[in-house]
C-alpha atoms as a PDB file:
ATOM      1  CA  MET A   1      -0.104  -0.041   0.023  1.00  0.00           C
ATOM      2  CA  LEU A   2       2.916   2.274   0.781  1.00  0.00           C
ATOM      3  CA  LYS A   3       4.064   2.053  -2.816  1.00  0.00           C
ATOM      4  CA  LYS A   4       0.730   3.024  -4.289  1.00  0.00           C
ATOM      5  CA  ASP A   5       0.867   6.054  -1.885  1.00  0.00           C
ATOM      6  CA  LEU A   6       4.377   6.858  -3.068  1.00  0.00           C
ATOM      7  CA  GLY A   7       3.355   6.619  -6.661  1.00  0.00           C
ATOM      8  CA  LEU A   8       0.437   8.808  -5.889  1.00  0.00           C
ATOM      9  CA  LEU A   9       2.551  11.447  -4.395  1.00  0.00           C
ATOM     10  CA  LEU A  10       4.915  11.272  -7.303  1.00  0.00           C
ATOM     11  CA  LEU A  11       2.077  11.725  -9.741  1.00  0.00           C
ATOM     12  CA  ILE A  12       0.873  14.777  -7.794  1.00  0.00           C
ATOM     13  CA  LEU A  13       4.293  16.339  -7.961  1.00  0.00           C
ATOM     14  CA  ILE A  14       4.717  15.615 -11.683  1.00  0.00           C
ATOM     15  CA  VAL A  15       1.193  17.244 -12.370  1.00  0.00           C
ATOM     16  CA  GLY A  16       1.837  20.096 -10.008  1.00  0.00           C
ATOM     17  CA  THR A  17       5.156  20.740 -11.858  1.00  0.00           C
ATOM     18  CA  VAL A  18       3.631  20.687 -15.360  1.00  0.00           C
ATOM     19  CA  VAL A  19       0.798  23.119 -14.480  1.00  0.00           C
ATOM     20  CA  ALA A  20       3.438  25.352 -12.672  1.00  0.00           C
ATOM     21  CA  VAL A  21       5.371  25.536 -15.922  1.00  0.00           C
ATOM     22  CA  LEU A  22       2.492  26.116 -18.053  1.00  0.00           C
ATOM     23  CA  ASN A  23       0.870  28.628 -15.749  1.00  0.00           C
ATOM     24  CA  PRO A  24       3.131  30.208 -12.796  1.00  0.00           C
ATOM     25  CA  ARG A  25      -0.124  31.412 -11.223  1.00  0.00           C
ATOM     26  CA  PHE A  26      -0.452  27.907  -9.924  1.00  0.00           C
ATOM     27  CA  LEU A  27       2.313  28.661  -7.259  1.00  0.00           C
ATOM     28  CA  SER A  28       0.735  31.992  -6.201  1.00  0.00           C
ATOM     29  CA  PRO A  29      -0.114  32.105  -2.383  1.00  0.00           C
ATOM     30  CA  ILE A  30      -3.748  32.962  -3.333  1.00  0.00           C
ATOM     31  CA  ASN A  31      -4.104  29.980  -5.667  1.00  0.00           C
ATOM     32  CA  LEU A  32      -2.538  27.513  -3.193  1.00  0.00           C
ATOM     33  CA  ALA A  33      -4.508  28.732  -0.374  1.00  0.00           C
ATOM     34  CA  ASN A  34      -7.881  28.429  -2.366  1.00  0.00           C
ATOM     35  CA  THR A  35      -6.675  24.887  -3.433  1.00  0.00           C
ATOM     36  CA  ALA A  36      -5.886  23.857   0.008  1.00  0.00           C
ATOM     37  CA  ASN A  37      -9.338  25.041   1.116  1.00  0.00           C
ATOM     38  CA  LEU A  38     -11.077  22.965  -1.508  1.00  0.00           C
ATOM     39  CA  ILE A  39      -8.718  19.983  -0.555  1.00  0.00           C
ATOM     40  CA  GLY A  40      -9.954  20.332   3.136  1.00  0.00           C
ATOM     41  CA  LEU A  41     -13.633  20.663   2.144  1.00  0.00           C
ATOM     42  CA  PHE A  42     -13.813  17.838  -0.263  1.00  0.00           C
ATOM     43  CA  GLY A  43     -11.243  15.564   1.687  1.00  0.00           C
ATOM     44  CA  LEU A  44     -13.207  15.599   4.998  1.00  0.00           C
ATOM     45  CA  PHE A  45     -16.001  13.577   3.652  1.00  0.00           C
ATOM     46  CA  ALA A  46     -13.884  11.556   1.237  1.00  0.00           C
ATOM     47  CA  ILE A  47     -12.283   9.906   4.356  1.00  0.00           C
ATOM     48  CA  GLY A  48     -15.775   8.791   5.471  1.00  0.00           C
ATOM     49  CA  GLN A  49     -16.334   7.509   1.964  1.00  0.00           C
ATOM     50  CA  GLY A  50     -13.270   5.453   2.054  1.00  0.00           C
ATOM     51  CA  PHE A  51     -14.194   3.742   5.237  1.00  0.00           C
ATOM     52  CA  VAL A  52     -17.402   2.607   3.703  1.00  0.00           C
ATOM     53  CA  ILE A  53     -15.647   1.394   0.544  1.00  0.00           C
ATOM     54  CA  ILE A  54     -13.080  -0.561   2.509  1.00  0.00           C
ATOM     55  CA  THR A  55     -15.928  -2.546   3.989  1.00  0.00           C
ATOM     56  CA  GLY A  56     -17.186  -3.374   0.389  1.00  0.00           C
ATOM     57  CA  GLY A  57     -19.972  -0.831   0.532  1.00  0.00           C
ATOM     58  CA  ILE A  58     -20.515   2.633  -1.044  1.00  0.00           C
ATOM     59  CA  ASP A  59     -22.342   5.868   0.031  1.00  0.00           C
ATOM     60  CA  LEU A  60     -24.095   7.724  -2.850  1.00  0.00           C
ATOM     61  CA  SER A  61     -26.107   9.956  -0.600  1.00  0.00           C
ATOM     62  CA  VAL A  62     -23.518  12.438   0.641  1.00  0.00           C
ATOM     63  CA  GLY A  63     -24.182  15.182  -1.639  1.00  0.00           C
ATOM     64  CA  SER A  64     -28.063  15.174  -0.720  1.00  0.00           C
ATOM     65  CA  ILE A  65     -27.124  15.015   2.971  1.00  0.00           C
ATOM     66  CA  PHE A  66     -25.273  18.408   2.175  1.00  0.00           C
ATOM     67  CA  ALA A  67     -28.293  19.990   0.733  1.00  0.00           C
ATOM     68  CA  LEU A  68     -30.902  18.706   3.473  1.00  0.00           C
ATOM     69  CA  LEU A  69     -28.640  19.326   6.593  1.00  0.00           C
ATOM     70  CA  GLY A  70     -27.289  22.675   5.113  1.00  0.00           C
ATOM     71  CA  VAL A  71     -30.569  24.358   4.697  1.00  0.00           C
ATOM     72  CA  ILE A  72     -31.549  23.274   8.097  1.00  0.00           C
ATOM     73  CA  PHE A  73     -28.230  24.463   9.560  1.00  0.00           C
ATOM     74  CA  ILE A  74     -28.695  27.807   7.927  1.00  0.00           C
ATOM     75  CA  ASP A  75     -32.252  28.242   9.423  1.00  0.00           C
ATOM     76  CA  LEU A  76     -31.048  27.108  12.843  1.00  0.00           C
ATOM     77  CA  ILE A  77     -28.369  29.952  13.299  1.00  0.00           C
ATOM     78  CA  GLY A  78     -29.856  32.369  10.831  1.00  0.00           C
ATOM     79  CA  LEU A  79     -33.606  32.284  11.216  1.00  0.00           C
ATOM     80  CA  TYR A  80     -34.109  30.645  14.673  1.00  0.00           C
ATOM     81  CA  GLY A  81     -31.090  32.095  16.417  1.00  0.00           C
ATOM     82  CA  VAL A  82     -29.711  28.732  17.842  1.00  0.00           C
ATOM     83  CA  PRO A  83     -26.273  29.363  19.313  1.00  0.00           C
ATOM     84  CA  TRP A  84     -23.820  28.021  16.573  1.00  0.00           C
ATOM     85  CA  PRO A  85     -22.024  25.489  19.039  1.00  0.00           C
ATOM     86  CA  LEU A  86     -25.500  23.732  19.434  1.00  0.00           C
ATOM     87  CA  ALA A  87     -26.515  24.182  15.828  1.00  0.00           C
ATOM     88  CA  VAL A  88     -23.220  22.392  14.872  1.00  0.00           C
ATOM     89  CA  LEU A  89     -23.798  19.658  17.294  1.00  0.00           C
ATOM     90  CA  ILE A  90     -27.377  19.207  15.978  1.00  0.00           C
ATOM     91  CA  ILE A  91     -26.208  18.827  12.294  1.00  0.00           C
ATOM     92  CA  VAL A  92     -23.283  16.425  13.024  1.00  0.00           C
ATOM     93  CA  VAL A  93     -25.624  14.222  15.317  1.00  0.00           C
ATOM     94  CA  ALA A  94     -28.317  14.361  12.356  1.00  0.00           C
ATOM     95  CA  GLY A  95     -25.443  13.137  10.134  1.00  0.00           C
ATOM     96  CA  VAL A  96     -24.701  10.358  12.484  1.00  0.00           C
ATOM     97  CA  ALA A  97     -28.445   9.553  12.562  1.00  0.00           C
ATOM     98  CA  LEU A  98     -28.635   9.373   8.728  1.00  0.00           C
ATOM     99  CA  GLY A  99     -25.470   6.985   8.643  1.00  0.00           C
ATOM    100  CA  GLY A 100     -27.197   4.872  11.377  1.00  0.00           C
ATOM    101  CA  ILE A 101     -30.380   4.488   9.249  1.00  0.00           C
ATOM    102  CA  HIS A 102     -28.066   3.477   6.323  1.00  0.00           C
ATOM    103  CA  ALA A 103     -26.271   0.894   8.519  1.00  0.00           C
ATOM    104  CA  PHE A 104     -29.533  -0.419   9.727  1.00  0.00           C
ATOM    105  CA  LEU A 105     -30.969  -1.036   6.277  1.00  0.00           C
ATOM    106  CA  VAL A 106     -27.642  -2.613   5.009  1.00  0.00           C
ATOM    107  CA  THR A 107     -26.846  -4.833   8.096  1.00  0.00           C
ATOM    108  CA  ARG A 108     -30.224  -5.660   9.286  1.00  0.00           C
ATOM    109  CA  VAL A 109     -32.765  -5.457   6.215  1.00  0.00           C
ATOM    110  CA  LYS A 110     -29.905  -6.694   4.099  1.00  0.00           C
ATOM    111  CA  ILE A 111     -30.538  -4.174   1.335  1.00  0.00           C
ATOM    112  CA  GLN A 112     -27.487  -3.511  -1.081  1.00  0.00           C
ATOM    113  CA  PRO A 113     -25.681  -0.448  -0.094  1.00  0.00           C
ATOM    114  CA  PHE A 114     -25.845   0.959  -3.519  1.00  0.00           C
ATOM    115  CA  VAL A 115     -29.715   0.793  -3.356  1.00  0.00           C
ATOM    116  CA  VAL A 116     -30.016   2.026   0.184  1.00  0.00           C
ATOM    117  CA  THR A 117     -27.701   5.255  -0.545  1.00  0.00           C
ATOM    118  CA  LEU A 118     -29.191   5.904  -3.941  1.00  0.00           C
ATOM    119  CA  CYS A 119     -32.678   6.021  -2.223  1.00  0.00           C
ATOM    120  CA  GLY A 120     -31.067   8.223   0.405  1.00  0.00           C
ATOM    121  CA  LEU A 121     -29.688  10.543  -2.361  1.00  0.00           C
ATOM    122  CA  LEU A 122     -33.167  11.017  -3.858  1.00  0.00           C
ATOM    123  CA  ILE A 123     -35.206  11.325  -0.514  1.00  0.00           C
ATOM    124  CA  TYR A 124     -32.768  13.776   1.174  1.00  0.00           C
ATOM    125  CA  ARG A 125     -32.638  16.107  -1.816  1.00  0.00           C
ATOM    126  CA  GLY A 126     -36.395  15.926  -2.426  1.00  0.00           C
ATOM    127  CA  LEU A 127     -36.974  16.785   1.469  1.00  0.00           C
ATOM    128  CA  ALA A 128     -34.480  19.663   1.085  1.00  0.00           C
ATOM    129  CA  ARG A 129     -36.374  21.108  -1.782  1.00  0.00           C
ATOM    130  CA  TRP A 130     -39.640  20.609  -0.075  1.00  0.00           C
ATOM    131  CA  TYR A 131     -38.292  22.294   3.196  1.00  0.00           C
ATOM    132  CA  THR A 132     -37.325  25.517   1.259  1.00  0.00           C
ATOM    133  CA  GLY A 133     -40.279  25.380  -1.089  1.00  0.00           C
ATOM    134  CA  ASP A 134     -37.815  24.868  -3.824  1.00  0.00           C
ATOM    135  CA  GLY A 135     -36.056  28.118  -2.920  1.00  0.00           C
ATOM    136  CA  THR A 136     -32.633  29.068  -1.628  1.00  0.00           C
ATOM    137  CA  ALA A 137     -31.703  29.141   1.953  1.00  0.00           C
ATOM    138  CA  GLY A 138     -29.271  31.771   2.900  1.00  0.00           C
ATOM    139  CA  PHE A 139     -28.243  34.273   5.712  1.00  0.00           C
ATOM    140  CA  GLU A 140     -29.827  37.702   6.069  1.00  0.00           C
ATOM    141  CA  PHE A 141     -28.088  40.712   4.750  1.00  0.00           C
ATOM    142  CA  GLY A 142     -25.511  41.626   7.444  1.00  0.00           C
ATOM    143  CA  GLN A 143     -25.697  38.464   9.646  1.00  0.00           C
ATOM    144  CA  SER A 144     -22.383  37.344  10.731  1.00  0.00           C
ATOM    145  CA  PHE A 145     -20.888  34.716  12.997  1.00  0.00           C
ATOM    146  CA  PRO A 146     -17.262  35.763  13.537  1.00  0.00           C
ATOM    147  CA  THR A 147     -16.094  32.736  15.503  1.00  0.00           C
ATOM    148  CA  LEU A 148     -17.846  30.211  13.343  1.00  0.00           C
ATOM    149  CA  GLU A 149     -16.781  32.001  10.136  1.00  0.00           C
ATOM    150  CA  PHE A 150     -13.173  31.964  11.378  1.00  0.00           C
ATOM    151  CA  LEU A 151     -13.190  28.286  12.250  1.00  0.00           C
ATOM    152  CA  ALA A 152     -14.925  27.147   9.028  1.00  0.00           C
ATOM    153  CA  ALA A 153     -13.752  29.693   6.343  1.00  0.00           C
ATOM    154  CA  GLY A 154     -10.884  31.586   7.965  1.00  0.00           C
ATOM    155  CA  ARG A 155      -7.142  31.052   7.930  1.00  0.00           C
ATOM    156  CA  SER A 156      -4.433  30.566  10.469  1.00  0.00           C
ATOM    157  CA  TYR A 157      -1.138  31.823   9.348  1.00  0.00           C
ATOM    158  CA  GLY A 158      -2.397  31.758   5.842  1.00  0.00           C
ATOM    159  CA  VAL A 159      -3.422  28.268   5.855  1.00  0.00           C
ATOM    160  CA  PRO A 160      -7.245  27.674   5.597  1.00  0.00           C
ATOM    161  CA  ASN A 161      -8.743  26.299   8.781  1.00  0.00           C
ATOM    162  CA  SER A 162     -10.748  23.954   6.609  1.00  0.00           C
ATOM    163  CA  PHE A 163      -7.328  22.229   5.549  1.00  0.00           C
ATOM    164  CA  ILE A 164      -6.138  22.200   9.056  1.00  0.00           C
ATOM    165  CA  ALA A 165      -9.436  20.430  10.164  1.00  0.00           C
ATOM    166  CA  PHE A 166      -9.032  17.964   7.402  1.00  0.00           C
ATOM    167  CA  ILE A 167      -5.404  17.088   8.478  1.00  0.00           C
ATOM    168  CA  ILE A 168      -6.477  16.668  11.998  1.00  0.00           C
ATOM    169  CA  VAL A 169      -9.316  14.389  10.987  1.00  0.00           C
ATOM    170  CA  ALA A 170      -7.052  12.485   8.690  1.00  0.00           C
ATOM    171  CA  VAL A 171      -4.550  11.794  11.537  1.00  0.00           C
ATOM    172  CA  VAL A 172      -7.339  10.638  13.778  1.00  0.00           C
ATOM    173  CA  MET A 173      -8.990   8.431  11.233  1.00  0.00           C
ATOM    174  CA  GLY A 174      -5.374   7.153  10.225  1.00  0.00           C
ATOM    175  CA  VAL A 175      -4.785   6.005  13.856  1.00  0.00           C
ATOM    176  CA  VAL A 176      -8.262   4.462  13.898  1.00  0.00           C
ATOM    177  CA  LEU A 177      -7.920   2.495  10.655  1.00  0.00           C
ATOM    178  CA  HIS A 178      -4.221   1.498  10.851  1.00  0.00           C
ATOM    179  CA  ARG A 179      -3.356   1.281  14.600  1.00  0.00           C
ATOM    180  CA  SER A 180      -6.505  -0.143  16.109  1.00  0.00           C
ATOM    181  CA  VAL A 181      -8.341  -3.567  16.368  1.00  0.00           C
ATOM    182  CA  PHE A 182     -11.291  -1.873  14.603  1.00  0.00           C
ATOM    183  CA  GLY A 183      -9.431  -1.001  11.639  1.00  0.00           C
ATOM    184  CA  ARG A 184      -8.225  -4.486  11.339  1.00  0.00           C
ATOM    185  CA  TYR A 185     -11.827  -5.651  11.534  1.00  0.00           C
ATOM    186  CA  LEU A 186     -12.726  -3.298   8.707  1.00  0.00           C
ATOM    187  CA  PHE A 187     -10.131  -4.715   6.386  1.00  0.00           C
ATOM    188  CA  ALA A 188     -11.179  -8.313   7.343  1.00  0.00           C
ATOM    189  CA  VAL A 189     -14.816  -7.517   6.672  1.00  0.00           C
ATOM    190  CA  GLY A 190     -13.984  -6.007   3.428  1.00  0.00           C
ATOM    191  CA  LYS A 191     -11.870  -8.893   2.233  1.00  0.00           C
ATOM    192  CA  ASN A 192     -14.220 -11.630   3.031  1.00  0.00           C
ATOM    193  CA  GLU A 193     -17.310 -10.952   5.263  1.00  0.00           C
ATOM    194  CA  ASP A 194     -18.185 -14.564   5.849  1.00  0.00           C
ATOM    195  CA  ALA A 195     -14.745 -15.443   6.845  1.00  0.00           C
ATOM    196  CA  ALA A 196     -14.590 -12.518   9.233  1.00  0.00           C
ATOM    197  CA  ARG A 197     -17.851 -13.506  10.760  1.00  0.00           C
ATOM    198  CA  TYR A 198     -16.750 -17.151  11.410  1.00  0.00           C
ATOM    199  CA  SER A 199     -13.422 -15.834  12.907  1.00  0.00           C
ATOM    200  CA  GLY A 200     -15.674 -14.200  15.593  1.00  0.00           C
ATOM    201  CA  ILE A 201     -15.850 -10.568  14.350  1.00  0.00           C
ATOM    202  CA  ASN A 202     -19.289  -8.866  14.657  1.00  0.00           C
ATOM    203  CA  THR A 203     -19.380  -7.910  11.159  1.00  0.00           C
ATOM    204  CA  ARG A 204     -22.744  -6.067  11.397  1.00  0.00           C
ATOM    205  CA  LYS A 205     -21.307  -3.629  13.980  1.00  0.00           C
ATOM    206  CA  VAL A 206     -18.170  -3.127  12.101  1.00  0.00           C
ATOM    207  CA  ILE A 207     -19.916  -2.280   8.746  1.00  0.00           C
ATOM    208  CA  ALA A 208     -22.519  -0.211  10.697  1.00  0.00           C
ATOM    209  CA  SER A 209     -19.718   1.856  12.304  1.00  0.00           C
ATOM    210  CA  ALA A 210     -18.235   2.573   8.727  1.00  0.00           C
ATOM    211  CA  TYR A 211     -21.679   4.146   7.772  1.00  0.00           C
ATOM    212  CA  VAL A 212     -21.925   6.059  11.008  1.00  0.00           C
ATOM    213  CA  ILE A 213     -18.382   7.474  10.565  1.00  0.00           C
ATOM    214  CA  SER A 214     -19.391   8.453   6.984  1.00  0.00           C
ATOM    215  CA  GLY A 215     -22.554  10.243   8.258  1.00  0.00           C
ATOM    216  CA  LEU A 216     -20.555  12.071  11.086  1.00  0.00           C
ATOM    217  CA  LEU A 217     -18.067  13.450   8.638  1.00  0.00           C
ATOM    218  CA  ALA A 218     -20.728  14.366   6.116  1.00  0.00           C
ATOM    219  CA  GLY A 219     -22.562  16.323   8.917  1.00  0.00           C
ATOM    220  CA  LEU A 220     -19.334  18.008   9.854  1.00  0.00           C
ATOM    221  CA  SER A 221     -18.659  18.825   6.165  1.00  0.00           C
ATOM    222  CA  THR A 222     -22.043  20.264   5.968  1.00  0.00           C
ATOM    223  CA  VAL A 223     -21.143  22.938   8.400  1.00  0.00           C
ATOM    224  CA  TYR A 224     -18.007  23.807   6.246  1.00  0.00           C
ATOM    225  CA  PHE A 225     -19.724  23.940   2.955  1.00  0.00           C
ATOM    226  CA  ALA A 226     -22.580  26.015   4.445  1.00  0.00           C
ATOM    227  CA  MET A 227     -20.223  28.655   5.588  1.00  0.00           C
ATOM    228  CA  TYR A 228     -18.246  28.571   2.537  1.00  0.00           C
ATOM    229  CA  THR A 229     -21.150  29.131   0.199  1.00  0.00           C
ATOM    230  CA  ARG A 230     -23.162  31.320   2.581  1.00  0.00           C
ATOM    231  CA  SER A 231     -26.400  30.096   0.662  1.00  0.00           C
ATOM    232  CA  ILE A 232     -27.764  26.682  -0.534  1.00  0.00           C
ATOM    233  CA  SER A 233     -29.938  25.985  -3.486  1.00  0.00           C
ATOM    234  CA  PRO A 234     -31.165  22.443  -2.488  1.00  0.00           C
ATOM    235  CA  ALA A 235     -31.725  21.608  -6.264  1.00  0.00           C
ATOM    236  CA  SER A 236     -27.928  21.797  -6.995  1.00  0.00           C
ATOM    237  CA  HIS A 237     -25.881  22.122  -3.768  1.00  0.00           C
ATOM    238  CA  GLY A 238     -23.709  19.131  -3.285  1.00  0.00           C
ATOM    239  CA  ASN A 239     -24.534  17.526  -6.768  1.00  0.00           C
ATOM    240  CA  PHE A 240     -22.117  14.819  -7.619  1.00  0.00           C
ATOM    241  CA  TYR A 241     -19.960  15.560  -4.517  1.00  0.00           C
ATOM    242  CA  GLU A 242     -20.172  11.722  -3.656  1.00  0.00           C
ATOM    243  CA  LEU A 243     -18.307  11.284  -6.921  1.00  0.00           C
ATOM    244  CA  TYR A 244     -15.385  13.473  -5.758  1.00  0.00           C
ATOM    245  CA  ALA A 245     -15.281  11.325  -2.596  1.00  0.00           C
ATOM    246  CA  ILE A 246     -15.368   8.040  -4.477  1.00  0.00           C
ATOM    247  CA  ALA A 247     -12.895   9.247  -6.874  1.00  0.00           C
ATOM    248  CA  ALA A 248     -10.438  10.287  -4.135  1.00  0.00           C
ATOM    249  CA  ALA A 249     -10.845   7.078  -2.330  1.00  0.00           C
ATOM    250  CA  VAL A 250     -10.447   4.961  -5.577  1.00  0.00           C
ATOM    251  CA  LEU A 251      -7.225   7.084  -6.448  1.00  0.00           C
ATOM    252  CA  GLY A 252      -6.046   6.520  -2.997  1.00  0.00           C
ATOM    253  CA  GLY A 253      -5.978   2.841  -3.342  1.00  0.00           C
ATOM    254  CA  CYS A 254      -9.359   1.900  -1.860  1.00  0.00           C
ATOM    255  CA  SER A 255     -10.596  -1.085  -3.866  1.00  0.00           C
ATOM    256  CA  LEU A 256     -14.340  -1.004  -4.940  1.00  0.00           C
ATOM    257  CA  ARG A 257     -14.374  -4.762  -3.951  1.00  0.00           C
ATOM    258  CA  GLY A 258     -13.594  -3.823  -0.430  1.00  0.00           C
ATOM    259  CA  GLY A 259     -10.609  -4.801   1.838  1.00  0.00           C
ATOM    260  CA  GLU A 260      -7.946  -2.248   0.652  1.00  0.00           C
ATOM    261  CA  GLY A 261      -7.287   1.320   1.255  1.00  0.00           C
ATOM    262  CA  SER A 262      -5.360   3.852   3.514  1.00  0.00           C
ATOM    263  CA  VAL A 263      -6.060   7.173   4.848  1.00  0.00           C
ATOM    264  CA  LEU A 264      -2.938   8.722   3.505  1.00  0.00           C
ATOM    265  CA  GLY A 265      -4.033   7.478   0.120  1.00  0.00           C
ATOM    266  CA  ILE A 266      -7.319   9.101   0.507  1.00  0.00           C
ATOM    267  CA  VAL A 267      -5.628  12.456   1.461  1.00  0.00           C
ATOM    268  CA  LEU A 268      -3.323  12.098  -1.627  1.00  0.00           C
ATOM    269  CA  GLY A 269      -6.458  11.305  -3.771  1.00  0.00           C
ATOM    270  CA  ALA A 270      -8.223  14.265  -2.685  1.00  0.00           C
ATOM    271  CA  VAL A 271      -5.077  16.492  -3.351  1.00  0.00           C
ATOM    272  CA  LEU A 272      -4.640  15.045  -6.921  1.00  0.00           C
ATOM    273  CA  LEU A 273      -8.406  15.763  -7.641  1.00  0.00           C
ATOM    274  CA  GLN A 274      -8.147  19.298  -6.683  1.00  0.00           C
ATOM    275  CA  VAL A 275      -4.949  19.644  -8.461  1.00  0.00           C
ATOM    276  CA  LEU A 276      -6.502  18.519 -11.655  1.00  0.00           C
ATOM    277  CA  GLN A 277      -9.541  20.723 -11.092  1.00  0.00           C
ATOM    278  CA  ASN A 278      -7.022  23.535 -10.732  1.00  0.00           C
ATOM    279  CA  LEU A 279      -5.326  22.523 -13.789  1.00  0.00           C
ATOM    280  CA  VAL A 280      -8.580  22.628 -15.798  1.00  0.00           C
ATOM    281  CA  ASN A 281      -9.235  26.127 -14.630  1.00  0.00           C
ATOM    282  CA  LEU A 282      -5.854  27.598 -14.996  1.00  0.00           C
ATOM    283  CA  LEU A 283      -5.109  26.293 -18.533  1.00  0.00           C
ATOM    284  CA  GLY A 284      -8.484  27.715 -19.775  1.00  0.00           C
ATOM    285  CA  ILE A 285     -10.041  24.304 -20.438  1.00  0.00           C
ATOM    286  CA  ALA A 286     -13.956  24.547 -20.550  1.00  0.00           C
ATOM    287  CA  SER A 287     -15.305  23.933 -16.958  1.00  0.00           C
ATOM    288  CA  SER A 288     -17.864  21.698 -18.390  1.00  0.00           C
ATOM    289  CA  LEU A 289     -15.099  19.204 -18.755  1.00  0.00           C
ATOM    290  CA  ASN A 290     -14.570  18.960 -15.090  1.00  0.00           C
ATOM    291  CA  PHE A 291     -16.827  15.924 -14.731  1.00  0.00           C
ATOM    292  CA  ALA A 292     -15.234  14.375 -17.793  1.00  0.00           C
ATOM    293  CA  VAL A 293     -11.879  14.592 -15.929  1.00  0.00           C
ATOM    294  CA  MET A 294     -13.232  13.110 -12.677  1.00  0.00           C
ATOM    295  CA  GLY A 295     -14.904  10.309 -14.727  1.00  0.00           C
ATOM    296  CA  GLY A 296     -11.645   9.685 -16.462  1.00  0.00           C
ATOM    297  CA  VAL A 297      -9.777   9.644 -13.164  1.00  0.00           C
ATOM    298  CA  ILE A 298     -12.353   6.963 -11.612  1.00  0.00           C
ATOM    299  CA  LEU A 299     -11.935   4.921 -14.796  1.00  0.00           C
ATOM    300  CA  ILE A 300      -8.086   5.024 -14.655  1.00  0.00           C
ATOM    301  CA  GLY A 301      -8.241   4.152 -11.074  1.00  0.00           C
ATOM    302  CA  VAL A 302     -10.464   1.268 -11.524  1.00  0.00           C
ATOM    303  CA  ILE A 303      -8.370  -0.244 -14.391  1.00  0.00           C
ATOM    304  CA  ALA A 304      -5.265   0.310 -12.371  1.00  0.00           C
ATOM    305  CA  ASP A 305      -6.772  -1.629  -9.512  1.00  0.00           C
ATOM    306  CA  GLN A 306      -7.873  -4.524 -11.768  1.00  0.00           C
ATOM    307  CA  GLN A 307      -4.522  -4.821 -13.281  1.00  0.00           C
ATOM    308  CA  LEU A 308      -2.759  -4.925  -9.991  1.00  0.00           C
ATOM    309  CA  VAL A 309      -5.181  -7.555  -8.677  1.00  0.00           C
ATOM    310  CA  ARG A 310      -4.334  -9.619 -12.171  1.00  0.00           C
ATOM    311  CA  TYR A 311      -0.586  -9.079 -11.519  1.00  0.00           C
ATOM    312  CA  ARG A 312      -0.818 -10.275  -7.917  1.00  0.00           C
ATOM    313  CA  THR A 313      -2.917 -13.329  -8.862  1.00  0.00           C
ATOM    314  CA  ARG A 314      -0.442 -14.299 -11.664  1.00  0.00           C
ATOM    315  CA  LYS A 315       2.468 -13.999  -9.304  1.00  0.00           C
ATOM    316  CA  ALA A 316       0.633 -16.026  -6.680  1.00  0.00           C
ATOM    317  CA  ASN A 317      -0.263 -18.818  -9.146  1.00  0.00           C
ATOM    318  CA  GLU A 318       3.488 -18.870 -10.399  1.00  0.00           C
ATOM    319  CA  LYS A 319       4.606 -19.251  -6.963  1.00  0.00           C
ATOM    320  CA  LYS A 320       2.268 -22.170  -6.398  1.00  0.00           C
ATOM    321  CA  ARG A 321       3.363 -23.863  -9.537  1.00  0.00           C
ATOM    322  CA  ALA A 322       6.998 -23.307  -8.455  1.00  0.00           C
ATOM    323  CA  LEU A 323       6.309 -24.926  -5.187  1.00  0.00           C
ATOM    324  CA  THR A 324       4.376 -27.775  -6.689  1.00  0.00           C
ATOM    325  CA  HIS A 325       7.409 -28.652  -8.995  1.00  0.00           C
ATOM    326  CA  GLY A 326       9.746 -28.455  -6.104  1.00  0.00           C
ATOM    327  CA  ALA A 327      11.701 -25.605  -7.369  1.00  0.00           C
ATOM    328  CA  LEU A 328      11.126 -23.593  -4.085  1.00  0.00           C
ATOM    329  CA  SER A 329      10.753 -26.785  -1.695  1.00  0.00           C
ATOM    330  CA  PRO A 330      12.163 -26.152   1.906  1.00  0.00           C
ATOM    331  CA  VAL A 331      14.726 -28.937   1.136  1.00  0.00           C
ATOM    332  CA  ALA A 332      15.931 -27.002  -1.748  1.00  0.00           C
ATOM    333  CA  GLN A 333      15.939 -23.619  -0.006  1.00  0.00           C
ATOM    334  CA  GLU A 334      18.100 -25.395   2.906  1.00  0.00           C
ATOM    335  CA  GLU A 335      20.534 -26.850   0.401  1.00  0.00           C
ATOM    336  CA  LYS A 336      20.729 -23.457  -1.270  1.00  0.00           C
END
């Protein structure tokens, strides 16, 4: 997995160098800060998506969650005057609750994750549009929340706070995934759920936890996006954002079959996606090609993953054949 991450880092450096040569504005402080802000915004929920993908599932509802919880959040602090710390807590808990609903339907009702979260995508956006009367939710003229605005959209020593939050979450989630029993269980369930269950792992709880984590990070991301945009049109807010998360996870080495991935890889995947988006903007490429670039990135990532699996399978089969013919027998190794 480390080789994958190093390869992705090298690719980021190559693409960044090419863009900087073609357009020096890429390295300007303003552009770097804006790119870092977007990396933080999209990277936060990409980590949650990665956890779900590692279990062999997928979450297509993330963008619609941003729309539904976003309009509620704006009304809580803007219209109803709820203190922003309480409003943030309500939104994060709501995200956890939606993740819990997905977990229940996947683990207890035994509905495919694709179907569950696709229905969530449609339901949440429909509710958001109904809630606002198909209008736009936004703060009233002159309304400000200095502390919240600083934490969500401000900068510390020139670094966007959204990016700092992303790094903190990445470090915490990295420890959870790679340095805890729960993380090992996630990989085991993703590799082979039946084998994990027979070995004594409570696979339902492990899978459910992944969806809850995804919901929690989606709720947290909702606040950042709401403060970034300042207004939300539920018909379009968050559209296709789940694809950014999936693309970042796949680029970062998360196999759509489950059982593989790393938080560092997801972080690098999020960075590469935003560098590519920046490339499109700086080089004057039509912005309508953004989705084409993202689709191509996902396709390349899946093809690369398939080729890697085939390579590993071929190597394993060659080793088995060699052992069968005695070329690598223990006796031969000792004599050698």
